[in-house]
Amino acid sequence: MQTQVMETMMQGLVIVGGLTFSLAVSLLIEELIFGRIVRLAFERRPTTSRQYQKPGTARIEHY
């Protein structure tokens, strides 16, 4: 009886450990793939604010 309980608990521990490891690996892969894309998409681009420009140095922007 006690051996069967130990085996059942060990199987449960292996299942929970496997699921935790699988989740950790999938999150790592997701971050490596999509983290770079999201970081590039939402990266702040350096801009010059017009209120901090010196007088006489107005930039003409061409689009």
N, C-alpha and C. Protein backbone atom coordinates (compact mmCIF):
# COMPACT_ATOMS: atom_id res chain seq x y z
N MET A 1 0.84 -1.19 0.00
CA MET A 1 0.00 0.00 0.00
C MET A 1 0.88 1.26 0.00
N GLN A 2 1.86 1.30 0.91
CA GLN A 2 2.72 2.47 1.00
C GLN A 2 3.58 2.62 -0.25
N THR A 3 4.00 1.53 -0.83
CA THR A 3 4.79 1.58 -2.06
C THR A 3 3.97 2.15 -3.21
N GLN A 4 2.71 1.78 -3.28
CA GLN A 4 1.84 2.27 -4.34
C GLN A 4 1.62 3.79 -4.19
N VAL A 5 1.46 4.26 -2.97
CA VAL A 5 1.29 5.70 -2.72
C VAL A 5 2.56 6.45 -3.13
N MET A 6 3.73 5.90 -2.79
CA MET A 6 5.00 6.53 -3.15
C MET A 6 5.15 6.60 -4.67
N GLU A 7 4.81 5.53 -5.37
CA GLU A 7 4.91 5.51 -6.83
C GLU A 7 3.96 6.51 -7.47
N THR A 8 2.75 6.61 -6.92
CA THR A 8 1.78 7.56 -7.44
C THR A 8 2.26 8.99 -7.23
N MET A 9 2.81 9.27 -6.05
CA MET A 9 3.32 10.61 -5.79
C MET A 9 4.51 10.94 -6.68
N MET A 10 5.36 9.94 -6.91
CA MET A 10 6.52 10.14 -7.79
C MET A 10 6.06 10.41 -9.22
N GLN A 11 5.06 9.71 -9.69
CA GLN A 11 4.53 9.95 -11.03
C GLN A 11 3.92 11.35 -11.13
N GLY A 12 3.21 11.76 -10.11
CA GLY A 12 2.65 13.12 -10.10
C GLY A 12 3.74 14.18 -10.12
N LEU A 13 4.81 13.94 -9.36
CA LEU A 13 5.92 14.88 -9.34
C LEU A 13 6.61 14.96 -10.70
N VAL A 14 6.77 13.83 -11.35
CA VAL A 14 7.38 13.80 -12.69
C VAL A 14 6.50 14.54 -13.69
N ILE A 15 5.19 14.37 -13.60
CA ILE A 15 4.26 15.04 -14.52
C ILE A 15 4.31 16.55 -14.31
N VAL A 16 4.25 16.98 -13.05
CA VAL A 16 4.30 18.42 -12.77
C VAL A 16 5.65 19.00 -13.19
N GLY A 17 6.72 18.30 -12.94
CA GLY A 17 8.04 18.77 -13.36
C GLY A 17 8.17 18.86 -14.87
N GLY A 18 7.64 17.87 -15.56
CA GLY A 18 7.67 17.89 -17.02
C GLY A 18 6.87 19.04 -17.60
N LEU A 19 5.69 19.29 -17.04
CA LEU A 19 4.86 20.39 -17.52
C LEU A 19 5.54 21.74 -17.24
N THR A 20 6.16 21.87 -16.07
CA THR A 20 6.85 23.11 -15.74
C THR A 20 8.03 23.34 -16.68
N PHE A 21 8.79 22.30 -16.95
CA PHE A 21 9.93 22.42 -17.86
C PHE A 21 9.46 22.76 -19.27
N SER A 22 8.39 22.12 -19.72
CA SER A 22 7.84 22.39 -21.04
C SER A 22 7.38 23.84 -21.16
N LEU A 23 6.73 24.34 -20.15
CA LEU A 23 6.27 25.73 -20.15
C LEU A 23 7.46 26.69 -20.17
N ALA A 24 8.49 26.40 -19.40
CA ALA A 24 9.67 27.26 -19.36
C ALA A 24 10.37 27.31 -20.71
N VAL A 25 10.51 26.16 -21.36
CA VAL A 25 11.16 26.11 -22.67
C VAL A 25 10.32 26.84 -23.71
N SER A 26 9.01 26.66 -23.68
CA SER A 26 8.16 27.33 -24.67
C SER A 26 8.18 28.84 -24.48
N LEU A 27 8.21 29.33 -23.23
CA LEU A 27 8.31 30.76 -22.98
C LEU A 27 9.66 31.31 -23.44
N LEU A 28 10.72 30.55 -23.26
CA LEU A 28 12.04 30.98 -23.72
C LEU A 28 12.08 31.10 -25.24
N ILE A 29 11.54 30.09 -25.93
CA ILE A 29 11.52 30.12 -27.40
C ILE A 29 10.66 31.28 -27.89
N GLU A 30 9.52 31.49 -27.26
CA GLU A 30 8.63 32.59 -27.65
C GLU A 30 9.33 33.93 -27.47
N GLU A 31 10.05 34.10 -26.38
CA GLU A 31 10.75 35.35 -26.13
C GLU A 31 11.88 35.56 -27.13
N LEU A 32 12.58 34.50 -27.47
CA LEU A 32 13.67 34.63 -28.44
C LEU A 32 13.15 34.99 -29.82
N ILE A 33 12.00 34.45 -30.20
CA ILE A 33 11.47 34.71 -31.54
C ILE A 33 10.71 36.03 -31.57
N PHE A 34 9.70 36.17 -30.73
CA PHE A 34 8.81 37.33 -30.81
C PHE A 34 9.30 38.51 -29.99
N GLY A 35 10.15 38.29 -29.03
CA GLY A 35 10.66 39.39 -28.22
C GLY A 35 11.44 40.39 -29.05
N ARG A 36 12.23 39.88 -29.99
CA ARG A 36 13.00 40.77 -30.85
C ARG A 36 12.09 41.55 -31.77
N ILE A 37 11.06 40.90 -32.29
CA ILE A 37 10.14 41.58 -33.20
C ILE A 37 9.40 42.68 -32.46
N VAL A 38 8.90 42.37 -31.27
CA VAL A 38 8.16 43.36 -30.48
C VAL A 38 9.09 44.50 -30.08
N ARG A 39 10.31 44.18 -29.70
CA ARG A 39 11.26 45.20 -29.30
C ARG A 39 11.56 46.14 -30.48
N LEU A 40 11.71 45.60 -31.67
CA LEU A 40 11.97 46.43 -32.84
C LEU A 40 10.75 47.27 -33.20
N ALA A 41 9.57 46.69 -33.07
CA ALA A 41 8.35 47.41 -33.46
C ALA A 41 8.06 48.58 -32.53
N PHE A 42 8.33 48.44 -31.25
CA PHE A 42 7.98 49.48 -30.29
C PHE A 42 9.18 50.28 -29.80
N GLU A 43 10.29 50.16 -30.48
CA GLU A 43 11.48 50.89 -30.08
C GLU A 43 11.29 52.38 -30.36
N ARG A 44 11.70 53.19 -29.41
CA ARG A 44 11.59 54.64 -29.60
C ARG A 44 12.65 55.10 -30.56
N ARG A 45 12.23 55.90 -31.49
CA ARG A 45 13.16 56.45 -32.46
C ARG A 45 13.60 57.83 -31.97
N PRO A 46 14.87 58.15 -32.12
CA PRO A 46 15.33 59.47 -31.66
C PRO A 46 14.71 60.58 -32.50
N THR A 47 14.07 61.51 -31.84
CA THR A 47 13.47 62.64 -32.52
C THR A 47 13.94 63.91 -31.84
N THR A 48 13.98 64.98 -32.61
CA THR A 48 14.37 66.27 -32.07
C THR A 48 13.10 67.07 -31.84
N SER A 49 12.92 67.50 -30.63
CA SER A 49 11.75 68.28 -30.30
C SER A 49 11.95 69.71 -30.79
N ARG A 50 10.90 70.28 -31.38
CA ARG A 50 11.01 71.63 -31.93
C ARG A 50 11.20 72.69 -30.84
N GLN A 51 10.70 72.44 -29.64
CA GLN A 51 10.81 73.45 -28.61
C GLN A 51 12.22 73.58 -28.05
N TYR A 52 13.07 72.58 -28.27
CA TYR A 52 14.43 72.62 -27.76
C TYR A 52 15.44 73.00 -28.83
N GLN A 53 15.00 73.32 -30.04
CA GLN A 53 15.94 73.71 -31.08
C GLN A 53 16.38 75.15 -30.88
N LYS A 54 17.63 75.42 -31.24
CA LYS A 54 18.15 76.78 -31.15
C LYS A 54 17.52 77.64 -32.23
N PRO A 55 17.32 78.91 -31.96
CA PRO A 55 16.76 79.80 -32.99
C PRO A 55 17.68 79.86 -34.20
N GLY A 56 17.08 79.79 -35.37
CA GLY A 56 17.84 79.86 -36.62
C GLY A 56 18.34 78.52 -37.10
N THR A 57 18.02 77.44 -36.40
CA THR A 57 18.48 76.11 -36.82
C THR A 57 17.29 75.22 -37.15
N ALA A 58 16.25 75.82 -37.69
CA ALA A 58 15.07 75.02 -38.02
C ALA A 58 15.41 74.02 -39.12
N ARG A 59 14.95 72.81 -38.94
CA ARG A 59 15.22 71.76 -39.92
C ARG A 59 14.06 71.67 -40.88
N ILE A 60 14.39 71.46 -42.13
CA ILE A 60 13.38 71.22 -43.13
C ILE A 60 13.34 69.72 -43.36
N GLU A 61 12.21 69.11 -43.08
CA GLU A 61 12.09 67.67 -43.23
C GLU A 61 11.45 67.34 -44.56
N HIS A 62 12.05 66.44 -45.29
CA HIS A 62 11.54 66.00 -46.58
C HIS A 62 10.88 64.64 -46.40
N TYR A 63 9.68 64.49 -46.91
CA TYR A 63 8.98 63.22 -46.79
C TYR A 63 8.87 62.55 -48.13
